[in-house]
């Protein structure tokens, strides 16, 4: 088992096809192509990519083009559910081992010295998120099975408030229960989420909670209203490096 590896994380692509633009303004089709090209031009290629939710924007017909473009990545991809995704449609595009017995996209990536757990927090057609009772049970079983292995958890909705008037009311609504659960397992090192379209980091009970910025558009964390907002069209990917027990992270700007 290798001691050093890299995860590439891409989040909130909000992909639409060539005929559309996000909010009739943003070309997320081209931006996703730019993201793939940026990934493929990195000096060191990640071992795999996690695409942590809001793959497409609301319309399931976009999945076909999205996953066809995903074939251009040089490494495997692991999709996750976001609140703008459609679970039934998405399940038809992913491998069966990424779907749990209750139909949620809950899965682990276990062939590395760092255990990687990906959680489905989406309530379909609802903006806020939750961890279902079956998902919390599934998570605890996974944590019990690997108490001595350092673990990182990916989820779409943040389980905590980040100080954003735009996003704090649409976070994972049972985040306190989640934090109470993982706090029993000292091997959980990091929780990384998407959804918030900005950079954020906070340490709680020795665990770092951080966000992956959007690959498409960023919202200002201090915005007081969503009216007449000027959004930053810079997109990012996140690189998570594991090096002999040490985790480091950096956000890489997507090239236009």
C-alpha atoms as a PDB file:
ATOM      1  CA  UNK A   1       0.000   0.000   0.000  1.00  0.00           C
ATOM      2  CA  UNK A   2       1.490   3.323  -1.057  1.00  0.00           C
ATOM      3  CA  UNK A   3       2.387   5.860   1.646  1.00  0.00           C
ATOM      4  CA  UNK A   4       1.930   8.901  -0.604  1.00  0.00           C
ATOM      5  CA  UNK A   5      -1.019   9.723  -2.818  1.00  0.00           C
ATOM      6  CA  UNK A   6      -3.154  12.636  -3.996  1.00  0.00           C
ATOM      7  CA  UNK A   7      -6.902  13.187  -4.240  1.00  0.00           C
ATOM      8  CA  UNK A   8      -8.292  15.714  -6.680  1.00  0.00           C
ATOM      9  CA  UNK A   9     -11.607  17.198  -5.587  1.00  0.00           C
ATOM     10  CA  UNK A  10     -14.021  19.020  -7.888  1.00  0.00           C
ATOM     11  CA  UNK A  11     -17.279  20.411  -6.548  1.00  0.00           C
ATOM     12  CA  UNK A  12     -20.390  22.266  -7.632  1.00  0.00           C
ATOM     13  CA  UNK A  13     -19.812  22.178 -11.375  1.00  0.00           C
ATOM     14  CA  UNK A  14     -23.549  22.845 -11.966  1.00  0.00           C
ATOM     15  CA  UNK A  15     -23.039  21.445 -15.452  1.00  0.00           C
ATOM     16  CA  UNK A  16     -25.477  22.334 -18.238  1.00  0.00           C
ATOM     17  CA  UNK A  17     -25.249  21.368 -21.898  1.00  0.00           C
ATOM     18  CA  UNK A  18     -24.108  23.514 -24.830  1.00  0.00           C
ATOM     19  CA  UNK A  19     -27.633  24.833 -25.385  1.00  0.00           C
ATOM     20  CA  UNK A  20     -27.933  26.392 -21.917  1.00  0.00           C
ATOM     21  CA  UNK A  21     -26.166  28.638 -19.452  1.00  0.00           C
ATOM     22  CA  UNK A  22     -26.414  28.521 -15.690  1.00  0.00           C
ATOM     23  CA  UNK A  23     -28.794  31.288 -14.573  1.00  0.00           C
ATOM     24  CA  UNK A  24     -28.831  32.280 -18.285  1.00  0.00           C
ATOM     25  CA  UNK A  25     -25.375  33.752 -17.704  1.00  0.00           C
ATOM     26  CA  UNK A  26     -22.585  31.302 -16.811  1.00  0.00           C
ATOM     27  CA  UNK A  27     -21.106  28.808 -19.281  1.00  0.00           C
ATOM     28  CA  UNK A  28     -20.579  25.837 -16.983  1.00  0.00           C
ATOM     29  CA  UNK A  29     -20.203  23.488 -19.952  1.00  0.00           C
ATOM     30  CA  UNK A  30     -16.991  25.222 -20.990  1.00  0.00           C
ATOM     31  CA  UNK A  31     -15.887  25.620 -17.401  1.00  0.00           C
ATOM     32  CA  UNK A  32     -16.085  21.863 -16.854  1.00  0.00           C
ATOM     33  CA  UNK A  33     -13.961  21.297 -19.956  1.00  0.00           C
ATOM     34  CA  UNK A  34     -11.494  23.848 -18.549  1.00  0.00           C
ATOM     35  CA  UNK A  35     -11.485  21.972 -15.236  1.00  0.00           C
ATOM     36  CA  UNK A  36     -10.683  18.665 -16.927  1.00  0.00           C
ATOM     37  CA  UNK A  37      -7.892  20.240 -18.972  1.00  0.00           C
ATOM     38  CA  UNK A  38      -6.444  21.876 -15.852  1.00  0.00           C
ATOM     39  CA  UNK A  39      -6.459  18.522 -14.058  1.00  0.00           C
ATOM     40  CA  UNK A  40      -4.797  16.770 -16.985  1.00  0.00           C
ATOM     41  CA  UNK A  41      -2.046  19.404 -17.122  1.00  0.00           C
ATOM     42  CA  UNK A  42      -1.074  19.209 -13.443  1.00  0.00           C
ATOM     43  CA  UNK A  43       2.606  18.489 -12.821  1.00  0.00           C
ATOM     44  CA  UNK A  44       1.532  15.608 -10.582  1.00  0.00           C
ATOM     45  CA  UNK A  45      -1.664  13.810 -11.543  1.00  0.00           C
ATOM     46  CA  UNK A  46      -4.019  12.910  -8.661  1.00  0.00           C
ATOM     47  CA  UNK A  47      -4.630   9.205  -8.127  1.00  0.00           C
ATOM     48  CA  UNK A  48      -8.376   9.780  -8.486  1.00  0.00           C
ATOM     49  CA  UNK A  49     -10.990  12.540  -8.409  1.00  0.00           C
ATOM     50  CA  UNK A  50     -13.969  13.037  -6.117  1.00  0.00           C
ATOM     51  CA  UNK A  51     -16.719  15.183  -7.636  1.00  0.00           C
ATOM     52  CA  UNK A  52     -18.546  16.223  -4.498  1.00  0.00           C
ATOM     53  CA  UNK A  53     -22.063  17.034  -5.580  1.00  0.00           C
ATOM     54  CA  UNK A  54     -24.105  19.383  -7.747  1.00  0.00           C
ATOM     55  CA  UNK A  55     -22.617  17.694 -10.770  1.00  0.00           C
ATOM     56  CA  UNK A  56     -25.423  19.023 -12.955  1.00  0.00           C
ATOM     57  CA  UNK A  57     -27.966  21.774 -12.410  1.00  0.00           C
ATOM     58  CA  UNK A  58     -31.438  20.292 -11.900  1.00  0.00           C
ATOM     59  CA  UNK A  59     -32.016  18.662 -15.295  1.00  0.00           C
ATOM     60  CA  UNK A  60     -31.068  14.975 -15.458  1.00  0.00           C
ATOM     61  CA  UNK A  61     -30.620  15.074 -19.230  1.00  0.00           C
ATOM     62  CA  UNK A  62     -27.305  16.855 -18.590  1.00  0.00           C
ATOM     63  CA  UNK A  63     -25.760  13.704 -17.081  1.00  0.00           C
ATOM     64  CA  UNK A  64     -25.116  12.109 -20.471  1.00  0.00           C
ATOM     65  CA  UNK A  65     -22.830  14.906 -21.682  1.00  0.00           C
ATOM     66  CA  UNK A  66     -21.312  15.307 -18.227  1.00  0.00           C
ATOM     67  CA  UNK A  67     -20.181  11.703 -17.966  1.00  0.00           C
ATOM     68  CA  UNK A  68     -19.016  11.573 -21.554  1.00  0.00           C
ATOM     69  CA  UNK A  69     -16.679  14.458 -20.743  1.00  0.00           C
ATOM     70  CA  UNK A  70     -15.578  12.669 -17.567  1.00  0.00           C
ATOM     71  CA  UNK A  71     -13.976  10.038 -19.794  1.00  0.00           C
ATOM     72  CA  UNK A  72     -11.320  12.652 -20.582  1.00  0.00           C
ATOM     73  CA  UNK A  73      -9.922  12.542 -17.027  1.00  0.00           C
ATOM     74  CA  UNK A  74      -6.649  10.620 -16.811  1.00  0.00           C
ATOM     75  CA  UNK A  75      -7.698   9.003 -13.544  1.00  0.00           C
ATOM     76  CA  UNK A  76     -10.904   7.449 -12.117  1.00  0.00           C
ATOM     77  CA  UNK A  77     -13.705   9.674 -10.865  1.00  0.00           C
ATOM     78  CA  UNK A  78     -16.026   9.176  -7.894  1.00  0.00           C
ATOM     79  CA  UNK A  79     -19.287  11.192  -8.176  1.00  0.00           C
ATOM     80  CA  UNK A  80     -21.343  12.283  -5.180  1.00  0.00           C
ATOM     81  CA  UNK A  81     -24.895  13.551  -4.723  1.00  0.00           C
ATOM     82  CA  UNK A  82     -25.682  17.257  -4.291  1.00  0.00           C
ATOM     83  CA  UNK A  83     -28.991  19.033  -3.859  1.00  0.00           C
ATOM     84  CA  UNK A  84     -29.176  19.871  -7.596  1.00  0.00           C
ATOM     85  CA  UNK A  85     -28.575  16.237  -8.595  1.00  0.00           C
ATOM     86  CA  UNK A  86     -31.182  13.594  -9.342  1.00  0.00           C
ATOM     87  CA  UNK A  87     -30.459  10.427  -7.395  1.00  0.00           C
ATOM     88  CA  UNK A  88     -32.332   7.907  -9.545  1.00  0.00           C
ATOM     89  CA  UNK A  89     -30.835   9.240 -12.773  1.00  0.00           C
ATOM     90  CA  UNK A  90     -27.341   9.533 -11.284  1.00  0.00           C
ATOM     91  CA  UNK A  91     -27.423   5.939 -10.055  1.00  0.00           C
ATOM     92  CA  UNK A  92     -27.703   4.784 -13.667  1.00  0.00           C
ATOM     93  CA  UNK A  93     -24.319   6.380 -14.450  1.00  0.00           C
ATOM     94  CA  UNK A  94     -22.282   5.113 -11.478  1.00  0.00           C
ATOM     95  CA  UNK A  95     -20.926   1.718 -10.497  1.00  0.00           C
ATOM     96  CA  UNK A  96     -23.134  -0.346  -8.217  1.00  0.00           C
ATOM     97  CA  UNK A  97     -20.508  -0.430  -5.451  1.00  0.00           C
ATOM     98  CA  UNK A  98     -20.986   3.319  -4.996  1.00  0.00           C
ATOM     99  CA  UNK A  99     -24.632   2.786  -3.990  1.00  0.00           C
ATOM    100  CA  UNK A 100     -25.604   1.434  -0.579  1.00  0.00           C
ATOM    101  CA  UNK A 101     -28.443  -1.020   0.089  1.00  0.00           C
ATOM    102  CA  UNK A 102     -30.900   1.845   0.604  1.00  0.00           C
ATOM    103  CA  UNK A 103     -30.113   3.511  -2.713  1.00  0.00           C
ATOM    104  CA  UNK A 104     -27.941   6.327  -1.349  1.00  0.00           C
ATOM    105  CA  UNK A 105     -24.544   7.181  -2.835  1.00  0.00           C
ATOM    106  CA  UNK A 106     -22.626   6.225   0.301  1.00  0.00           C
ATOM    107  CA  UNK A 107     -19.312   4.489  -0.321  1.00  0.00           C
ATOM    108  CA  UNK A 108     -15.719   4.088   0.786  1.00  0.00           C
ATOM    109  CA  UNK A 109     -12.414   4.114  -1.059  1.00  0.00           C
ATOM    110  CA  UNK A 110     -10.284   1.747   0.974  1.00  0.00           C
ATOM    111  CA  UNK A 111      -7.222   0.815  -1.066  1.00  0.00           C
ATOM    112  CA  UNK A 112      -5.082   3.647   0.347  1.00  0.00           C
ATOM    113  CA  UNK A 113      -3.464   4.236   3.764  1.00  0.00           C
ATOM    114  CA  UNK A 114      -6.115   6.908   4.342  1.00  0.00           C
ATOM    115  CA  UNK A 115      -9.699   5.628   4.529  1.00  0.00           C
ATOM    116  CA  UNK A 116     -11.968   7.765   2.359  1.00  0.00           C
ATOM    117  CA  UNK A 117     -15.699   7.914   3.145  1.00  0.00           C
ATOM    118  CA  UNK A 118     -18.148   9.675   0.817  1.00  0.00           C
ATOM    119  CA  UNK A 119     -21.600  10.515   2.193  1.00  0.00           C
ATOM    120  CA  UNK A 120     -24.902  11.283   0.494  1.00  0.00           C
ATOM    121  CA  UNK A 121     -26.449  14.322   2.220  1.00  0.00           C
ATOM    122  CA  UNK A 122     -29.010  15.268  -0.424  1.00  0.00           C
ATOM    123  CA  UNK A 123     -32.749  15.535   0.023  1.00  0.00           C
ATOM    124  CA  UNK A 124     -33.798  15.447  -3.602  1.00  0.00           C
ATOM    125  CA  UNK A 125     -35.509  18.649  -4.803  1.00  0.00           C
ATOM    126  CA  UNK A 126     -34.701  20.373  -1.490  1.00  0.00           C
ATOM    127  CA  UNK A 127     -31.788  22.795  -1.058  1.00  0.00           C
ATOM    128  CA  UNK A 128     -30.831  21.912   2.516  1.00  0.00           C
ATOM    129  CA  UNK A 129     -29.314  18.537   3.335  1.00  0.00           C
ATOM    130  CA  UNK A 130     -29.555  15.760   5.883  1.00  0.00           C
ATOM    131  CA  UNK A 131     -27.912  12.490   6.820  1.00  0.00           C
ATOM    132  CA  UNK A 132     -30.639   9.863   6.853  1.00  0.00           C
ATOM    133  CA  UNK A 133     -30.880   7.459   9.786  1.00  0.00           C
ATOM    134  CA  UNK A 134     -29.715   4.627   7.533  1.00  0.00           C
ATOM    135  CA  UNK A 135     -26.741   6.716   6.363  1.00  0.00           C
ATOM    136  CA  UNK A 136     -25.688   7.463   9.935  1.00  0.00           C
ATOM    137  CA  UNK A 137     -25.945   3.743  10.753  1.00  0.00           C
ATOM    138  CA  UNK A 138     -23.920   2.913   7.636  1.00  0.00           C
ATOM    139  CA  UNK A 139     -21.285   5.507   8.609  1.00  0.00           C
ATOM    140  CA  UNK A 140     -20.909   4.167  12.139  1.00  0.00           C
ATOM    141  CA  UNK A 141     -20.401   0.636  10.848  1.00  0.00           C
ATOM    142  CA  UNK A 142     -17.673   1.850   8.507  1.00  0.00           C
ATOM    143  CA  UNK A 143     -15.956   3.772  11.299  1.00  0.00           C
ATOM    144  CA  UNK A 144     -16.139   0.764  13.627  1.00  0.00           C
ATOM    145  CA  UNK A 145     -14.481  -1.402  11.001  1.00  0.00           C
ATOM    146  CA  UNK A 146     -11.442   0.881  10.671  1.00  0.00           C
ATOM    147  CA  UNK A 147     -10.770   2.413  14.077  1.00  0.00           C
ATOM    148  CA  UNK A 148      -6.991   2.360  13.575  1.00  0.00           C
ATOM    149  CA  UNK A 149      -6.942   3.798  10.058  1.00  0.00           C
ATOM    150  CA  UNK A 150      -6.810   7.582   9.546  1.00  0.00           C
ATOM    151  CA  UNK A 151     -10.037   8.678   7.865  1.00  0.00           C
ATOM    152  CA  UNK A 152     -11.248  11.597   5.783  1.00  0.00           C
ATOM    153  CA  UNK A 153     -14.964  12.190   5.135  1.00  0.00           C
ATOM    154  CA  UNK A 154     -16.411  13.945   2.084  1.00  0.00           C
ATOM    155  CA  UNK A 155     -19.964  15.312   2.027  1.00  0.00           C
ATOM    156  CA  UNK A 156     -21.831  17.860  -0.061  1.00  0.00           C
ATOM    157  CA  UNK A 157     -23.635  19.905   2.598  1.00  0.00           C
ATOM    158  CA  UNK A 158     -21.567  21.340   5.462  1.00  0.00           C
ATOM    159  CA  UNK A 159     -22.507  19.951   8.885  1.00  0.00           C
ATOM    160  CA  UNK A 160     -21.637  23.317  10.463  1.00  0.00           C
ATOM    161  CA  UNK A 161     -22.369  26.990   9.957  1.00  0.00           C
ATOM    162  CA  UNK A 162     -19.651  28.891   8.103  1.00  0.00           C
ATOM    163  CA  UNK A 163     -20.845  32.429   8.843  1.00  0.00           C
ATOM    164  CA  UNK A 164     -22.734  32.864   5.572  1.00  0.00           C
ATOM    165  CA  UNK A 165     -26.236  34.329   5.491  1.00  0.00           C
ATOM    166  CA  UNK A 166     -26.715  32.687   2.100  1.00  0.00           C
ATOM    167  CA  UNK A 167     -25.764  29.142   3.070  1.00  0.00           C
ATOM    168  CA  UNK A 168     -26.003  28.586   6.827  1.00  0.00           C
ATOM    169  CA  UNK A 169     -29.761  27.980   6.696  1.00  0.00           C
ATOM    170  CA  UNK A 170     -29.345  25.339   3.959  1.00  0.00           C
ATOM    171  CA  UNK A 171     -26.568  23.256   5.519  1.00  0.00           C
ATOM    172  CA  UNK A 172     -26.869  19.626   6.646  1.00  0.00           C
ATOM    173  CA  UNK A 173     -29.691  19.910   9.167  1.00  0.00           C
ATOM    174  CA  UNK A 174     -28.449  17.208  11.554  1.00  0.00           C
ATOM    175  CA  UNK A 175     -24.804  18.208  11.574  1.00  0.00           C
ATOM    176  CA  UNK A 176     -24.624  18.169  15.376  1.00  0.00           C
ATOM    177  CA  UNK A 177     -25.619  14.505  15.376  1.00  0.00           C
ATOM    178  CA  UNK A 178     -22.958  13.809  12.750  1.00  0.00           C
ATOM    179  CA  UNK A 179     -20.248  15.612  14.751  1.00  0.00           C
ATOM    180  CA  UNK A 180     -21.277  13.772  17.904  1.00  0.00           C
ATOM    181  CA  UNK A 181     -20.892  10.483  16.047  1.00  0.00           C
ATOM    182  CA  UNK A 182     -17.496  11.116  14.471  1.00  0.00           C
ATOM    183  CA  UNK A 183     -16.138  12.605  17.710  1.00  0.00           C
ATOM    184  CA  UNK A 184     -16.122   9.091  19.134  1.00  0.00           C
ATOM    185  CA  UNK A 185     -13.536   8.058  16.536  1.00  0.00           C
ATOM    186  CA  UNK A 186     -10.170   9.748  16.952  1.00  0.00           C
ATOM    187  CA  UNK A 187      -8.992   8.440  13.579  1.00  0.00           C
ATOM    188  CA  UNK A 188     -11.321  10.868  11.729  1.00  0.00           C
ATOM    189  CA  UNK A 189      -8.918  13.615  10.667  1.00  0.00           C
ATOM    190  CA  UNK A 190     -10.826  15.774   8.181  1.00  0.00           C
ATOM    191  CA  UNK A 191     -14.315  16.547   6.881  1.00  0.00           C
ATOM    192  CA  UNK A 192     -14.446  18.269   3.487  1.00  0.00           C
ATOM    193  CA  UNK A 193     -17.665  19.595   1.965  1.00  0.00           C
ATOM    194  CA  UNK A 194     -18.881  21.517  -1.089  1.00  0.00           C
ATOM    195  CA  UNK A 195     -22.171  23.413  -1.527  1.00  0.00           C
ATOM    196  CA  UNK A 196     -20.988  26.794  -0.207  1.00  0.00           C
ATOM    197  CA  UNK A 197     -19.058  28.056  -3.281  1.00  0.00           C
ATOM    198  CA  UNK A 198     -16.260  29.581  -1.203  1.00  0.00           C
ATOM    199  CA  UNK A 199     -13.179  28.715   0.852  1.00  0.00           C
ATOM    200  CA  UNK A 200     -13.630  27.969   4.555  1.00  0.00           C
ATOM    201  CA  UNK A 201     -11.781  26.089   7.288  1.00  0.00           C
ATOM    202  CA  UNK A 202     -12.350  25.511  11.003  1.00  0.00           C
ATOM    203  CA  UNK A 203     -11.051  22.967  13.519  1.00  0.00           C
ATOM    204  CA  UNK A 204     -13.627  21.375  15.832  1.00  0.00           C
ATOM    205  CA  UNK A 205     -12.646  18.781  18.431  1.00  0.00           C
ATOM    206  CA  UNK A 206      -9.350  18.260  16.631  1.00  0.00           C
ATOM    207  CA  UNK A 207     -11.010  17.613  13.244  1.00  0.00           C
ATOM    208  CA  UNK A 208     -10.547  20.074  10.398  1.00  0.00           C
ATOM    209  CA  UNK A 209     -13.760  21.014   8.604  1.00  0.00           C
ATOM    210  CA  UNK A 210     -13.077  22.699   5.268  1.00  0.00           C
ATOM    211  CA  UNK A 211     -14.807  23.488   2.002  1.00  0.00           C
ATOM    212  CA  UNK A 212     -13.944  22.850  -1.607  1.00  0.00           C
ATOM    213  CA  UNK A 213     -14.665  25.988  -3.663  1.00  0.00           C
ATOM    214  CA  UNK A 214     -16.876  25.638  -6.713  1.00  0.00           C
ATOM    215  CA  UNK A 215     -15.392  24.689 -10.058  1.00  0.00           C
ATOM    216  CA  UNK A 216     -17.757  27.246 -11.635  1.00  0.00           C
ATOM    217  CA  UNK A 217     -18.679  30.311  -9.532  1.00  0.00           C
ATOM    218  CA  UNK A 218     -17.925  31.630  -6.046  1.00  0.00           C
ATOM    219  CA  UNK A 219     -20.289  33.388  -3.645  1.00  0.00           C
ATOM    220  CA  UNK A 220     -18.829  35.949  -1.199  1.00  0.00           C
ATOM    221  CA  UNK A 221     -18.989  34.449   2.282  1.00  0.00           C
ATOM    222  CA  UNK A 222     -19.896  37.836   3.763  1.00  0.00           C
ATOM    223  CA  UNK A 223     -22.796  38.598   1.403  1.00  0.00           C
ATOM    224  CA  UNK A 224     -25.833  40.034   3.214  1.00  0.00           C
ATOM    225  CA  UNK A 225     -28.284  39.239   0.402  1.00  0.00           C
ATOM    226  CA  UNK A 226     -28.469  37.245  -2.817  1.00  0.00           C
ATOM    227  CA  UNK A 227     -29.898  40.261  -4.658  1.00  0.00           C
ATOM    228  CA  UNK A 228     -27.748  41.831  -7.394  1.00  0.00           C
ATOM    229  CA  UNK A 229     -24.715  39.800  -6.371  1.00  0.00           C
ATOM    230  CA  UNK A 230     -21.614  39.983  -8.530  1.00  0.00           C
ATOM    231  CA  UNK A 231     -20.330  36.414  -8.495  1.00  0.00           C
ATOM    232  CA  UNK A 232     -16.689  35.539  -8.943  1.00  0.00           C
ATOM    233  CA  UNK A 233     -16.350  33.376 -12.056  1.00  0.00           C
ATOM    234  CA  UNK A 234     -12.986  31.966 -10.999  1.00  0.00           C
ATOM    235  CA  UNK A 235     -13.226  28.185 -10.636  1.00  0.00           C
ATOM    236  CA  UNK A 236     -11.064  25.927  -8.471  1.00  0.00           C
ATOM    237  CA  UNK A 237     -10.115  22.332  -7.915  1.00  0.00           C
ATOM    238  CA  UNK A 238      -8.826  21.122  -4.559  1.00  0.00           C
ATOM    239  CA  UNK A 239      -5.778  18.895  -4.189  1.00  0.00           C
ATOM    240  CA  UNK A 240      -5.485  16.785  -1.031  1.00  0.00           C
ATOM    241  CA  UNK A 241      -2.026  15.321  -0.506  1.00  0.00           C
ATOM    242  CA  UNK A 242      -1.345  12.430   1.861  1.00  0.00           C
ATOM    243  CA  UNK A 243       2.343  12.065   2.655  1.00  0.00           C
ATOM    244  CA  UNK A 244       3.434   9.517   5.284  1.00  0.00           C
ATOM    245  CA  UNK A 245       0.617  10.387   7.667  1.00  0.00           C
ATOM    246  CA  UNK A 246       0.420  14.100   6.938  1.00  0.00           C
ATOM    247  CA  UNK A 247      -2.512  15.676   5.064  1.00  0.00           C
ATOM    248  CA  UNK A 248      -2.082  18.940   3.183  1.00  0.00           C
ATOM    249  CA  UNK A 249      -4.491  20.785   0.903  1.00  0.00           C
ATOM    250  CA  UNK A 250      -4.356  23.492  -1.748  1.00  0.00           C
ATOM    251  CA  UNK A 251      -6.861  25.104  -4.100  1.00  0.00           C
ATOM    252  CA  UNK A 252      -5.790  25.326  -7.737  1.00  0.00           C
ATOM    253  CA  UNK A 253      -7.292  27.912 -10.077  1.00  0.00           C
ATOM    254  CA  UNK A 254      -8.920  26.451 -13.179  1.00  0.00           C
ATOM    255  CA  UNK A 255      -7.332  27.806 -16.335  1.00  0.00           C
ATOM    256  CA  UNK A 256      -9.618  29.454 -18.882  1.00  0.00           C
END
